[in-house]
Amino acid sequence: MKIATMPDTPLSREELLAQPAESYMNDIQRAYFRDLLERQREELRRHIDAEFGALREVEPASDEIDLASREEQRLWQLRLLEREKRLLDKIDEALSRIARGEYGWCEESGDPIGLRRLLLRPTATLCLEAKQRQELQERHQRPA
């Protein structure tokens, strides 16, 4: 049995995808996704901080139309920031799953989520089949 050791340099995306299936979520792959998630988390935090800083800056309005337009823009920015905050929470949850050794496994079926899916959506908690079932069920439950 070959024991995975941590490389001195991080894996590239191609090297990650080239690993054999039996290496799924080994130490090297978990480290790759932990690094990816931590970078995304830091970038998102910087963006959120910058956007909140911009929202704090108050410019005098020349008339009521400017004031209404600016307020609408602020509400739009706040909705985007709320969305980004939810993504930040999902990133933190994914990092917790990595720490617990649960990352990369479907919460519903226990099957592997898959490297390609995790590269596209590192916060994924469901394998593709489970996600498709969830979306199908949601579509059937939506009001007409």
N, C-alpha and C. Protein backbone atom coordinates (compact mmCIF):
# COMPACT_ATOMS: atom_id res chain seq x y z
N MET A 1 0.84 -1.19 0.00
CA MET A 1 0.00 0.00 0.00
C MET A 1 0.88 1.24 0.00
N LYS A 2 0.61 2.12 -0.95
CA LYS A 2 1.38 3.34 -1.07
C LYS A 2 0.78 4.42 -0.17
N ILE A 3 1.62 5.04 0.63
CA ILE A 3 1.15 6.09 1.54
C ILE A 3 1.39 7.43 0.86
N ALA A 4 0.35 8.25 0.82
CA ALA A 4 0.46 9.56 0.19
C ALA A 4 1.22 10.50 1.11
N THR A 5 2.17 11.19 0.57
CA THR A 5 2.91 12.18 1.33
C THR A 5 2.59 13.55 0.76
N MET A 6 2.75 14.54 1.57
CA MET A 6 2.44 15.89 1.15
C MET A 6 3.58 16.41 0.26
N PRO A 7 3.27 16.89 -0.94
CA PRO A 7 4.31 17.41 -1.82
C PRO A 7 4.78 18.77 -1.33
N ASP A 8 6.01 19.15 -1.75
CA ASP A 8 6.53 20.46 -1.40
C ASP A 8 5.80 21.57 -2.15
N THR A 9 5.37 21.26 -3.36
CA THR A 9 4.63 22.23 -4.15
C THR A 9 3.20 21.72 -4.32
N PRO A 10 2.24 22.62 -4.31
CA PRO A 10 0.85 22.18 -4.44
C PRO A 10 0.58 21.55 -5.82
N LEU A 11 -0.38 20.67 -5.84
CA LEU A 11 -0.80 20.03 -7.09
C LEU A 11 -1.44 21.06 -8.02
N SER A 12 -1.28 20.82 -9.31
CA SER A 12 -2.04 21.61 -10.27
C SER A 12 -3.39 20.92 -10.44
N ARG A 13 -4.30 21.60 -11.08
CA ARG A 13 -5.62 21.02 -11.35
C ARG A 13 -5.47 19.74 -12.17
N GLU A 14 -4.59 19.77 -13.17
CA GLU A 14 -4.38 18.61 -14.04
C GLU A 14 -3.80 17.44 -13.26
N GLU A 15 -2.85 17.71 -12.38
CA GLU A 15 -2.26 16.65 -11.55
C GLU A 15 -3.30 16.05 -10.61
N LEU A 16 -4.16 16.91 -10.08
CA LEU A 16 -5.23 16.43 -9.20
C LEU A 16 -6.15 15.48 -9.95
N LEU A 17 -6.57 15.88 -11.14
CA LEU A 17 -7.49 15.06 -11.92
C LEU A 17 -6.82 13.79 -12.44
N ALA A 18 -5.50 13.78 -12.56
CA ALA A 18 -4.78 12.61 -13.07
C ALA A 18 -4.57 11.54 -12.00
N GLN A 19 -4.87 11.86 -10.74
CA GLN A 19 -4.66 10.87 -9.68
C GLN A 19 -5.65 9.72 -9.84
N PRO A 20 -5.23 8.52 -9.44
CA PRO A 20 -6.12 7.36 -9.58
C PRO A 20 -7.35 7.47 -8.67
N ALA A 21 -8.42 6.81 -9.07
CA ALA A 21 -9.68 6.86 -8.33
C ALA A 21 -9.51 6.41 -6.88
N GLU A 22 -8.63 5.45 -6.63
CA GLU A 22 -8.45 4.97 -5.24
C GLU A 22 -7.76 6.00 -4.35
N SER A 23 -7.26 7.08 -4.93
CA SER A 23 -6.65 8.15 -4.14
C SER A 23 -7.67 9.20 -3.71
N TYR A 24 -8.95 8.97 -4.00
CA TYR A 24 -9.98 9.97 -3.73
C TYR A 24 -9.96 10.42 -2.28
N MET A 25 -9.86 11.71 -2.10
CA MET A 25 -9.84 12.42 -0.82
C MET A 25 -8.74 11.94 0.12
N ASN A 26 -7.57 11.68 -0.48
CA ASN A 26 -6.40 11.39 0.35
C ASN A 26 -5.89 12.72 0.92
N ASP A 27 -4.82 12.67 1.68
CA ASP A 27 -4.29 13.87 2.32
C ASP A 27 -3.94 14.96 1.32
N ILE A 28 -3.37 14.55 0.20
CA ILE A 28 -2.95 15.52 -0.82
C ILE A 28 -4.16 16.23 -1.42
N GLN A 29 -5.21 15.47 -1.73
CA GLN A 29 -6.41 16.07 -2.31
C GLN A 29 -7.12 16.96 -1.30
N ARG A 30 -7.20 16.52 -0.06
CA ARG A 30 -7.82 17.37 0.97
C ARG A 30 -7.04 18.68 1.13
N ALA A 31 -5.71 18.59 1.09
CA ALA A 31 -4.88 19.79 1.20
C ALA A 31 -5.12 20.72 0.01
N TYR A 32 -5.28 20.14 -1.18
CA TYR A 32 -5.56 20.94 -2.37
C TYR A 32 -6.86 21.74 -2.18
N PHE A 33 -7.91 21.06 -1.74
CA PHE A 33 -9.19 21.74 -1.59
C PHE A 33 -9.20 22.69 -0.39
N ARG A 34 -8.48 22.35 0.68
CA ARG A 34 -8.38 23.27 1.81
C ARG A 34 -7.71 24.56 1.35
N ASP A 35 -6.62 24.45 0.57
CA ASP A 35 -5.93 25.63 0.06
C ASP A 35 -6.84 26.43 -0.87
N LEU A 36 -7.54 25.74 -1.76
CA LEU A 36 -8.47 26.40 -2.69
C LEU A 36 -9.55 27.16 -1.93
N LEU A 37 -10.15 26.51 -0.94
CA LEU A 37 -11.22 27.14 -0.16
C LEU A 37 -10.69 28.31 0.68
N GLU A 38 -9.50 28.16 1.24
CA GLU A 38 -8.94 29.25 2.04
C GLU A 38 -8.62 30.46 1.17
N ARG A 39 -8.14 30.22 -0.06
CA ARG A 39 -7.89 31.34 -0.98
C ARG A 39 -9.20 32.02 -1.36
N GLN A 40 -10.22 31.22 -1.68
CA GLN A 40 -11.52 31.80 -2.02
C GLN A 40 -12.09 32.58 -0.85
N ARG A 41 -11.92 32.04 0.34
CA ARG A 41 -12.44 32.70 1.55
C ARG A 41 -11.77 34.05 1.75
N GLU A 42 -10.44 34.10 1.61
CA GLU A 42 -9.71 35.34 1.79
C GLU A 42 -10.10 36.37 0.73
N GLU A 43 -10.21 35.94 -0.51
CA GLU A 43 -10.60 36.84 -1.60
C GLU A 43 -12.02 37.39 -1.36
N LEU A 44 -12.91 36.52 -0.94
CA LEU A 44 -14.29 36.93 -0.67
C LEU A 44 -14.35 37.90 0.52
N ARG A 45 -13.59 37.63 1.55
CA ARG A 45 -13.54 38.54 2.71
C ARG A 45 -13.06 39.93 2.31
N ARG A 46 -11.99 39.96 1.49
CA ARG A 46 -11.48 41.26 1.04
C ARG A 46 -12.54 42.01 0.23
N HIS A 47 -13.24 41.29 -0.65
CA HIS A 47 -14.27 41.91 -1.46
C HIS A 47 -15.41 42.44 -0.59
N ILE A 48 -15.86 41.64 0.35
CA ILE A 48 -16.94 42.06 1.25
C ILE A 48 -16.53 43.30 2.04
N ASP A 49 -15.31 43.28 2.58
CA ASP A 49 -14.83 44.44 3.35
C ASP A 49 -14.78 45.70 2.48
N ALA A 50 -14.31 45.56 1.24
CA ALA A 50 -14.22 46.71 0.33
C ALA A 50 -15.62 47.23 0.00
N GLU A 51 -16.56 46.32 -0.23
CA GLU A 51 -17.93 46.74 -0.57
C GLU A 51 -18.60 47.42 0.62
N PHE A 52 -18.40 46.90 1.83
CA PHE A 52 -18.96 47.56 3.01
C PHE A 52 -18.34 48.94 3.20
N GLY A 53 -17.04 49.05 2.92
CA GLY A 53 -16.38 50.36 2.99
C GLY A 53 -16.99 51.34 2.01
N ALA A 54 -17.29 50.87 0.81
CA ALA A 54 -17.91 51.73 -0.20
C ALA A 54 -19.32 52.14 0.22
N LEU A 55 -20.04 51.21 0.87
CA LEU A 55 -21.40 51.54 1.31
C LEU A 55 -21.40 52.58 2.43
N ARG A 56 -20.33 52.60 3.22
CA ARG A 56 -20.26 53.56 4.33
C ARG A 56 -20.03 55.00 3.84
N GLU A 57 -19.43 55.12 2.65
CA GLU A 57 -19.17 56.44 2.11
C GLU A 57 -20.49 57.07 1.66
N VAL A 58 -20.79 58.21 2.21
CA VAL A 58 -22.06 58.88 1.90
C VAL A 58 -21.77 60.12 1.07
N GLU A 59 -22.36 60.18 -0.10
CA GLU A 59 -22.23 61.35 -0.95
C GLU A 59 -23.52 62.16 -0.85
N PRO A 60 -23.40 63.46 -0.81
CA PRO A 60 -24.62 64.27 -0.74
C PRO A 60 -25.44 64.13 -2.04
N ALA A 61 -26.73 64.02 -1.88
CA ALA A 61 -27.62 63.90 -3.04
C ALA A 61 -28.06 65.29 -3.47
N SER A 62 -28.07 65.49 -4.80
CA SER A 62 -28.45 66.81 -5.30
C SER A 62 -29.97 66.98 -5.34
N ASP A 63 -30.69 65.86 -5.51
CA ASP A 63 -32.15 65.94 -5.50
C ASP A 63 -32.74 64.58 -5.08
N GLU A 64 -34.05 64.54 -5.01
CA GLU A 64 -34.72 63.32 -4.55
C GLU A 64 -34.52 62.14 -5.51
N ILE A 65 -34.42 62.41 -6.79
CA ILE A 65 -34.22 61.33 -7.76
C ILE A 65 -32.84 60.69 -7.56
N ASP A 66 -31.82 61.53 -7.36
CA ASP A 66 -30.48 61.00 -7.08
C ASP A 66 -30.47 60.19 -5.79
N LEU A 67 -31.16 60.69 -4.80
CA LEU A 67 -31.23 60.00 -3.51
C LEU A 67 -31.92 58.64 -3.67
N ALA A 68 -33.01 58.60 -4.40
CA ALA A 68 -33.73 57.34 -4.61
C ALA A 68 -32.88 56.36 -5.43
N SER A 69 -32.21 56.87 -6.43
CA SER A 69 -31.36 56.02 -7.25
C SER A 69 -30.21 55.44 -6.42
N ARG A 70 -29.60 56.28 -5.60
CA ARG A 70 -28.50 55.83 -4.76
C ARG A 70 -28.99 54.81 -3.73
N GLU A 71 -30.16 55.02 -3.19
CA GLU A 71 -30.71 54.08 -2.21
C GLU A 71 -31.01 52.73 -2.87
N GLU A 72 -31.54 52.75 -4.09
CA GLU A 72 -31.79 51.50 -4.82
C GLU A 72 -30.48 50.76 -5.07
N GLN A 73 -29.44 51.50 -5.43
CA GLN A 73 -28.11 50.90 -5.65
C GLN A 73 -27.58 50.29 -4.35
N ARG A 74 -27.77 50.98 -3.24
CA ARG A 74 -27.32 50.45 -1.94
C ARG A 74 -28.05 49.17 -1.58
N LEU A 75 -29.36 49.11 -1.84
CA LEU A 75 -30.12 47.90 -1.55
C LEU A 75 -29.65 46.74 -2.41
N TRP A 76 -29.34 47.01 -3.68
CA TRP A 76 -28.83 45.99 -4.57
C TRP A 76 -27.48 45.48 -4.07
N GLN A 77 -26.59 46.39 -3.65
CA GLN A 77 -25.29 46.00 -3.13
C GLN A 77 -25.45 45.17 -1.84
N LEU A 78 -26.37 45.55 -1.00
CA LEU A 78 -26.60 44.79 0.24
C LEU A 78 -27.09 43.38 -0.05
N ARG A 79 -27.95 43.23 -1.06
CA ARG A 79 -28.41 41.88 -1.44
C ARG A 79 -27.24 41.04 -1.93
N LEU A 80 -26.37 41.64 -2.74
CA LEU A 80 -25.19 40.92 -3.22
C LEU A 80 -24.26 40.55 -2.06
N LEU A 81 -24.10 41.47 -1.12
CA LEU A 81 -23.23 41.19 0.02
C LEU A 81 -23.82 40.07 0.90
N GLU A 82 -25.12 40.04 1.03
CA GLU A 82 -25.76 38.96 1.80
C GLU A 82 -25.52 37.62 1.12
N ARG A 83 -25.61 37.61 -0.19
CA ARG A 83 -25.33 36.40 -0.95
C ARG A 83 -23.88 35.95 -0.77
N GLU A 84 -22.97 36.90 -0.82
CA GLU A 84 -21.56 36.58 -0.63
C GLU A 84 -21.29 36.11 0.80
N LYS A 85 -22.01 36.66 1.75
CA LYS A 85 -21.87 36.22 3.15
C LYS A 85 -22.33 34.78 3.29
N ARG A 86 -23.41 34.41 2.60
CA ARG A 86 -23.86 33.01 2.64
C ARG A 86 -22.82 32.09 2.02
N LEU A 87 -22.18 32.55 0.94
CA LEU A 87 -21.11 31.76 0.33
C LEU A 87 -19.94 31.61 1.30
N LEU A 88 -19.62 32.68 2.01
CA LEU A 88 -18.55 32.62 3.00
C LEU A 88 -18.88 31.58 4.08
N ASP A 89 -20.13 31.54 4.50
CA ASP A 89 -20.56 30.53 5.49
C ASP A 89 -20.41 29.12 4.92
N LYS A 90 -20.75 28.94 3.64
CA LYS A 90 -20.60 27.63 3.01
C LYS A 90 -19.13 27.23 2.91
N ILE A 91 -18.27 28.18 2.64
CA ILE A 91 -16.83 27.91 2.60
C ILE A 91 -16.35 27.47 3.98
N ASP A 92 -16.79 28.17 5.02
CA ASP A 92 -16.41 27.79 6.38
C ASP A 92 -16.91 26.39 6.72
N GLU A 93 -18.13 26.06 6.29
CA GLU A 93 -18.67 24.72 6.53
C GLU A 93 -17.84 23.67 5.79
N ALA A 94 -17.42 23.98 4.56
CA ALA A 94 -16.60 23.03 3.79
C ALA A 94 -15.25 22.83 4.47
N LEU A 95 -14.66 23.90 4.98
CA LEU A 95 -13.39 23.77 5.69
C LEU A 95 -13.55 22.92 6.95
N SER A 96 -14.69 23.05 7.61
CA SER A 96 -14.97 22.20 8.78
C SER A 96 -15.11 20.74 8.38
N ARG A 97 -15.76 20.49 7.24
CA ARG A 97 -15.90 19.11 6.76
C ARG A 97 -14.53 18.52 6.42
N ILE A 98 -13.63 19.33 5.87
CA ILE A 98 -12.28 18.86 5.60
C ILE A 98 -11.60 18.48 6.91
N ALA A 99 -11.71 19.33 7.92
CA ALA A 99 -11.08 19.07 9.21
C ALA A 99 -11.62 17.78 9.84
N ARG A 100 -12.91 17.51 9.63
CA ARG A 100 -13.52 16.30 10.20
C ARG A 100 -13.33 15.07 9.31
N GLY A 101 -12.77 15.25 8.11
CA GLY A 101 -12.58 14.14 7.19
C GLY A 101 -13.84 13.76 6.44
N GLU A 102 -14.82 14.65 6.38
CA GLU A 102 -16.09 14.37 5.71
C GLU A 102 -16.20 15.02 4.35
N TYR A 103 -15.23 15.83 3.98
CA TYR A 103 -15.27 16.58 2.73
C TYR A 103 -15.17 15.65 1.53
N GLY A 104 -15.96 15.94 0.51
CA GLY A 104 -15.89 15.19 -0.74
C GLY A 104 -16.86 14.03 -0.81
N TRP A 105 -17.62 13.81 0.24
CA TRP A 105 -18.57 12.70 0.29
C TRP A 105 -19.99 13.25 0.36
N CYS A 106 -20.87 12.69 -0.41
CA CYS A 106 -22.27 13.13 -0.49
C CYS A 106 -22.95 12.97 0.86
N GLU A 107 -23.59 14.02 1.33
CA GLU A 107 -24.31 13.98 2.60
C GLU A 107 -25.51 13.04 2.54
N GLU A 108 -26.06 12.87 1.37
CA GLU A 108 -27.26 12.05 1.23
C GLU A 108 -26.94 10.57 1.05
N SER A 109 -26.02 10.27 0.13
CA SER A 109 -25.76 8.86 -0.21
C SER A 109 -24.45 8.31 0.34
N GLY A 110 -23.53 9.18 0.72
CA GLY A 110 -22.22 8.74 1.17
C GLY A 110 -21.27 8.44 0.03
N ASP A 111 -21.72 8.62 -1.22
CA ASP A 111 -20.88 8.38 -2.40
C ASP A 111 -19.91 9.55 -2.59
N PRO A 112 -18.84 9.33 -3.33
CA PRO A 112 -17.93 10.45 -3.65
C PRO A 112 -18.66 11.52 -4.47
N ILE A 113 -18.41 12.76 -4.15
CA ILE A 113 -18.99 13.87 -4.92
C ILE A 113 -18.27 13.98 -6.27
N GLY A 114 -16.98 13.73 -6.27
CA GLY A 114 -16.20 13.76 -7.50
C GLY A 114 -15.32 15.00 -7.58
N LEU A 115 -14.12 14.80 -8.06
CA LEU A 115 -13.16 15.90 -8.14
C LEU A 115 -13.61 17.00 -9.09
N ARG A 116 -14.14 16.62 -10.24
CA ARG A 116 -14.56 17.64 -11.21
C ARG A 116 -15.67 18.52 -10.65
N ARG A 117 -16.64 17.91 -9.97
CA ARG A 117 -17.72 18.68 -9.36
C ARG A 117 -17.18 19.59 -8.27
N LEU A 118 -16.27 19.07 -7.46
CA LEU A 118 -15.70 19.88 -6.38
C LEU A 118 -14.83 21.01 -6.92
N LEU A 119 -14.18 20.80 -8.05
CA LEU A 119 -13.42 21.88 -8.65
C LEU A 119 -14.34 23.00 -9.14
N LEU A 120 -15.50 22.62 -9.65
CA LEU A 120 -16.47 23.62 -10.11
C LEU A 120 -17.19 24.29 -8.94
N ARG A 121 -17.50 23.52 -7.91
CA ARG A 121 -18.22 24.03 -6.75
C ARG A 121 -17.62 23.40 -5.49
N PRO A 122 -16.54 24.01 -4.98
CA PRO A 122 -15.84 23.41 -3.83
C PRO A 122 -16.68 23.29 -2.57
N THR A 123 -17.81 23.98 -2.52
CA THR A 123 -18.67 23.91 -1.33
C THR A 123 -19.77 22.85 -1.48
N ALA A 124 -19.75 22.09 -2.57
CA ALA A 124 -20.80 21.09 -2.82
C ALA A 124 -20.86 20.07 -1.68
N THR A 125 -22.09 19.70 -1.32
CA THR A 125 -22.29 18.69 -0.28
C THR A 125 -23.01 17.47 -0.82
N LEU A 126 -23.49 17.56 -2.07
CA LEU A 126 -24.22 16.46 -2.68
C LEU A 126 -23.52 16.03 -3.97
N CYS A 127 -23.54 14.72 -4.23
CA CYS A 127 -23.05 14.24 -5.52
C CYS A 127 -24.03 14.70 -6.60
N LEU A 128 -23.63 14.56 -7.84
CA LEU A 128 -24.44 15.06 -8.94
C LEU A 128 -25.83 14.43 -8.96
N GLU A 129 -25.92 13.14 -8.76
CA GLU A 129 -27.21 12.45 -8.80
C GLU A 129 -28.13 12.94 -7.69
N ALA A 130 -27.60 13.10 -6.49
CA ALA A 130 -28.41 13.58 -5.36
C ALA A 130 -28.85 15.03 -5.60
N LYS A 131 -27.98 15.85 -6.17
CA LYS A 131 -28.33 17.24 -6.46
C LYS A 131 -29.43 17.31 -7.52
N GLN A 132 -29.33 16.44 -8.55
CA GLN A 132 -30.37 16.42 -9.57
C GLN A 132 -31.71 15.99 -8.98
N ARG A 133 -31.70 15.00 -8.09
CA ARG A 133 -32.94 14.59 -7.42
C ARG A 133 -33.52 15.74 -6.59
N GLN A 134 -32.65 16.45 -5.89
CA GLN A 134 -33.09 17.58 -5.06
C GLN A 134 -33.73 18.67 -5.93
N GLU A 135 -33.09 19.00 -7.05
CA GLU A 135 -33.62 20.04 -7.93
C GLU A 135 -34.93 19.61 -8.56
N LEU A 136 -35.04 18.35 -8.94
CA LEU A 136 -36.28 17.83 -9.50
C LEU A 136 -37.41 17.91 -8.48
N GLN A 137 -37.11 17.54 -7.25
CA GLN A 137 -38.12 17.61 -6.19
C GLN A 137 -38.53 19.06 -5.93
N GLU A 138 -37.56 19.97 -5.93
CA GLU A 138 -37.88 21.39 -5.73
C GLU A 138 -38.76 21.93 -6.84
N ARG A 139 -38.49 21.51 -8.09
CA ARG A 139 -39.31 21.96 -9.21
C ARG A 139 -40.76 21.49 -9.07
N HIS A 140 -40.95 20.28 -8.57
CA HIS A 140 -42.30 19.75 -8.41
C HIS A 140 -43.04 20.38 -7.24
N GLN A 141 -42.31 20.95 -6.30
CA GLN A 141 -42.95 21.54 -5.12
C GLN A 141 -43.20 23.03 -5.27
N ARG A 142 -42.66 23.64 -6.33
CA ARG A 142 -42.88 25.08 -6.54
C ARG A 142 -44.33 25.37 -6.86
N PRO A 143 -44.82 26.49 -6.32
CA PRO A 143 -46.19 26.88 -6.69
C PRO A 143 -46.25 27.32 -8.14
N ALA A 144 -47.35 27.05 -8.78
CA ALA A 144 -47.53 27.38 -10.21
C ALA A 144 -47.72 28.86 -10.42
